[in-house]
Amino acid sequence: MSFEAKRCGVQFSPPSVVLIYEHKETKAVRKRVIPVRNFSKYSDYSTAAERLKNNPRHRDYLEGVSQSQLEKLHIILRDHMQGFSLEHSLASFRLDPDEDLNKLDDEELARKKGQMDEVFEKNRKRKDDPDFVYDLEMDFTKSTQEKCSWDDESDDGF
């Protein structure tokens, strides 16, 4: 690989992936606009991202860009084609702990679960880590909860 990807983005008109890369031998920084063809607001973003990454014309340039990054760029393009704003698209990538995941469709739920898996793996402690502690015990502060009348009554029976 003689190219190193520096930045990645999208261009809405015409729908394209914009790649800022550095040629390793000459150290020249260049911009490559990769058109996204045969992509509509009904297209599958993961298939389109995989097709773009495996395209022989762009394969060398996109080797340093992860599949998930290309999928995110395609989601932003698809959302724009559906009439959503850029802020809406970017907000869909953030994990909100108060969001009700039961109300999401299957595709959105799979994307949120993938994001949670990435965060988990990033925060995971392995045995090889220098700050790994075996059998770590932590005390969590208990929040004060209101007592209900049926809680007091149920203790008498047991």
Protein backbone atom coordinates (compact mmCIF):
# COMPACT_ATOMS: atom_id res chain seq x y z
CA MET A 1 0.00 0.00 0.00
CA SER A 2 1.64 3.22 -1.11
CA PHE A 3 -1.23 5.44 0.05
CA GLU A 4 -2.20 6.46 3.57
CA ALA A 5 -5.74 7.74 4.13
CA LYS A 6 -5.78 10.93 6.19
CA ARG A 7 -9.42 12.04 6.07
CA CYS A 8 -12.68 10.76 4.70
CA GLY A 9 -15.93 12.58 3.97
CA VAL A 10 -18.93 12.82 1.68
CA GLN A 11 -20.05 15.17 -1.04
CA PHE A 12 -23.78 15.35 -1.64
CA SER A 13 -23.89 16.66 -5.19
CA PRO A 14 -22.95 14.48 -6.97
CA PRO A 15 -22.99 11.70 -4.34
CA SER A 16 -19.33 10.95 -3.70
CA VAL A 17 -16.85 9.83 -1.09
CA VAL A 18 -14.03 12.34 -0.67
CA LEU A 19 -10.68 10.94 0.44
CA ILE A 20 -7.67 12.99 1.51
CA TYR A 21 -4.62 10.76 1.30
CA GLU A 22 -0.85 10.95 1.37
CA HIS A 23 1.35 9.22 -1.18
CA LYS A 24 3.96 7.49 1.00
CA GLU A 25 6.84 7.71 -1.45
CA THR A 26 6.48 11.34 -2.53
CA LYS A 27 4.79 12.58 0.71
CA ALA A 28 2.32 14.49 -1.47
CA VAL A 29 -1.12 15.05 0.04
CA ARG A 30 -3.92 14.70 -2.49
CA LYS A 31 -7.69 14.67 -2.68
CA ARG A 32 -9.62 11.94 -4.46
CA VAL A 33 -13.33 12.24 -5.18
CA ILE A 34 -14.83 8.76 -5.60
CA PRO A 35 -18.31 8.83 -7.16
CA VAL A 36 -20.90 6.57 -5.57
CA ARG A 37 -22.74 5.01 -8.48
CA ASN A 38 -26.00 3.07 -8.52
CA PHE A 39 -26.88 4.19 -4.99
CA SER A 40 -30.36 5.42 -4.14
CA LYS A 41 -32.31 6.18 -1.01
CA TYR A 42 -33.48 2.55 -0.98
CA SER A 43 -30.01 0.98 -1.35
CA ASP A 44 -28.31 -1.17 1.24
CA TYR A 45 -25.44 0.84 2.71
CA SER A 46 -23.29 -2.13 3.73
CA THR A 47 -23.39 -3.71 0.27
CA ALA A 48 -22.59 -0.39 -1.39
CA ALA A 49 -19.67 0.24 0.98
CA GLU A 50 -18.28 -3.24 0.38
CA ARG A 51 -18.62 -2.83 -3.38
CA LEU A 52 -16.77 0.50 -3.23
CA LYS A 53 -13.98 -0.88 -1.06
CA ASN A 54 -13.46 -3.87 -3.38
CA ASN A 55 -13.59 -1.80 -6.57
CA PRO A 56 -10.24 -2.41 -8.35
CA ARG A 57 -10.01 1.24 -9.28
CA HIS A 58 -10.23 2.51 -5.68
CA ARG A 59 -9.00 -0.52 -3.70
CA ASP A 60 -5.47 0.81 -3.11
CA TYR A 61 -6.72 4.17 -1.87
CA LEU A 62 -9.42 2.77 0.43
CA GLU A 63 -7.26 0.04 1.97
CA GLY A 64 -6.61 2.17 5.07
CA VAL A 65 -10.29 3.07 5.52
CA SER A 66 -12.35 0.69 7.62
CA GLN A 67 -15.53 -0.93 6.35
CA SER A 68 -17.55 0.64 9.16
CA GLN A 69 -16.31 4.12 8.23
CA LEU A 70 -17.41 3.61 4.63
CA GLU A 71 -20.78 2.31 5.85
CA LYS A 72 -21.25 5.45 7.96
CA LEU A 73 -20.49 7.64 4.95
CA HIS A 74 -23.03 5.71 2.87
CA ILE A 75 -25.64 6.09 5.63
CA ILE A 76 -25.10 9.86 5.59
CA LEU A 77 -25.51 9.88 1.81
CA ARG A 78 -28.66 7.75 1.96
CA ASP A 79 -30.17 9.92 4.71
CA HIS A 80 -29.49 13.02 2.61
CA MET A 81 -31.25 11.40 -0.35
CA GLN A 82 -34.21 10.65 1.93
CA GLY A 83 -34.40 14.31 2.91
CA PHE A 84 -32.86 14.15 6.38
CA SER A 85 -30.44 16.81 7.58
CA LEU A 86 -26.78 16.19 8.29
CA GLU A 87 -27.41 16.79 12.01
CA HIS A 88 -30.05 14.05 12.02
CA SER A 89 -27.67 11.60 10.35
CA LEU A 90 -24.84 12.37 12.78
CA ALA A 91 -27.19 12.11 15.76
CA SER A 92 -28.11 8.57 14.70
CA PHE A 93 -24.49 7.53 15.29
CA ARG A 94 -24.44 8.71 18.90
CA LEU A 95 -25.40 6.29 21.63
CA ASP A 96 -28.10 7.67 23.91
CA PRO A 97 -28.49 5.64 27.11
CA ASP A 98 -32.08 6.84 27.51
CA GLU A 99 -33.13 5.82 23.99
CA ASP A 100 -35.73 3.05 23.79
CA LEU A 101 -34.16 0.44 21.51
CA ASN A 102 -37.46 -1.47 21.31
CA LYS A 103 -38.84 1.23 19.02
CA LEU A 104 -36.10 0.89 16.38
CA ASP A 105 -36.36 -1.14 13.20
CA ASP A 106 -34.09 -4.15 12.69
CA GLU A 107 -31.48 -2.31 10.61
CA GLU A 108 -31.20 0.59 13.07
CA LEU A 109 -31.07 -1.82 16.02
CA ALA A 110 -28.26 -3.83 14.43
CA ARG A 111 -26.31 -0.61 13.85
CA LYS A 112 -26.76 0.51 17.49
CA LYS A 113 -25.71 -2.94 18.76
CA GLY A 114 -22.61 -2.79 16.56
CA GLN A 115 -21.74 0.59 18.06
CA MET A 116 -22.20 -0.81 21.57
CA ASP A 117 -19.91 -3.73 20.71
CA GLU A 118 -17.23 -1.31 19.49
CA VAL A 119 -17.44 0.71 22.73
CA PHE A 120 -17.31 -2.48 24.78
CA GLU A 121 -14.21 -3.78 22.99
CA LYS A 122 -12.52 -0.40 23.33
CA ASN A 123 -13.13 -0.32 27.10
CA ARG A 124 -12.49 -4.01 27.72
CA LYS A 125 -9.62 -4.99 30.02
CA ARG A 126 -7.56 -7.99 28.95
CA LYS A 127 -5.09 -10.06 30.93
CA ASP A 128 -2.21 -8.56 28.96
CA ASP A 129 -3.15 -4.96 29.83
CA PRO A 130 -0.80 -3.29 32.36
CA ASP A 131 -3.68 -2.03 34.53
CA PHE A 132 -5.52 -5.38 34.59
CA VAL A 133 -6.69 -6.46 38.07
CA TYR A 134 -8.05 -9.96 38.60
CA ASP A 135 -11.30 -10.23 40.59
CA LEU A 136 -11.82 -6.50 40.97
CA GLU A 137 -14.61 -5.62 43.39
CA MET A 138 -16.34 -2.25 43.24
CA ASP A 139 -19.02 -0.67 45.42
CA PHE A 140 -21.67 1.26 43.55
CA THR A 141 -23.64 3.91 45.35
CA LYS A 142 -27.25 2.93 45.80
CA SER A 143 -29.81 5.46 44.75
CA THR A 144 -32.55 6.22 47.19
CA GLN A 145 -35.79 4.73 45.98
CA GLU A 146 -39.24 5.45 47.20
CA LYS A 147 -40.80 2.79 49.39
CA CYS A 148 -44.06 1.34 48.21
CA SER A 149 -46.68 -0.04 50.53
CA TRP A 150 -46.67 -3.46 48.86
CA ASP A 151 -42.90 -3.79 49.49
CA ASP A 152 -43.46 -3.69 53.26
CA GLU A 153 -46.34 -6.15 53.15
CA SER A 154 -44.50 -8.76 51.08
CA ASP A 155 -41.69 -9.11 53.63
CA ASP A 156 -44.10 -10.54 56.24
CA GLY A 157 -44.93 -13.60 54.14
CA PHE A 158 -41.35 -14.74 53.64
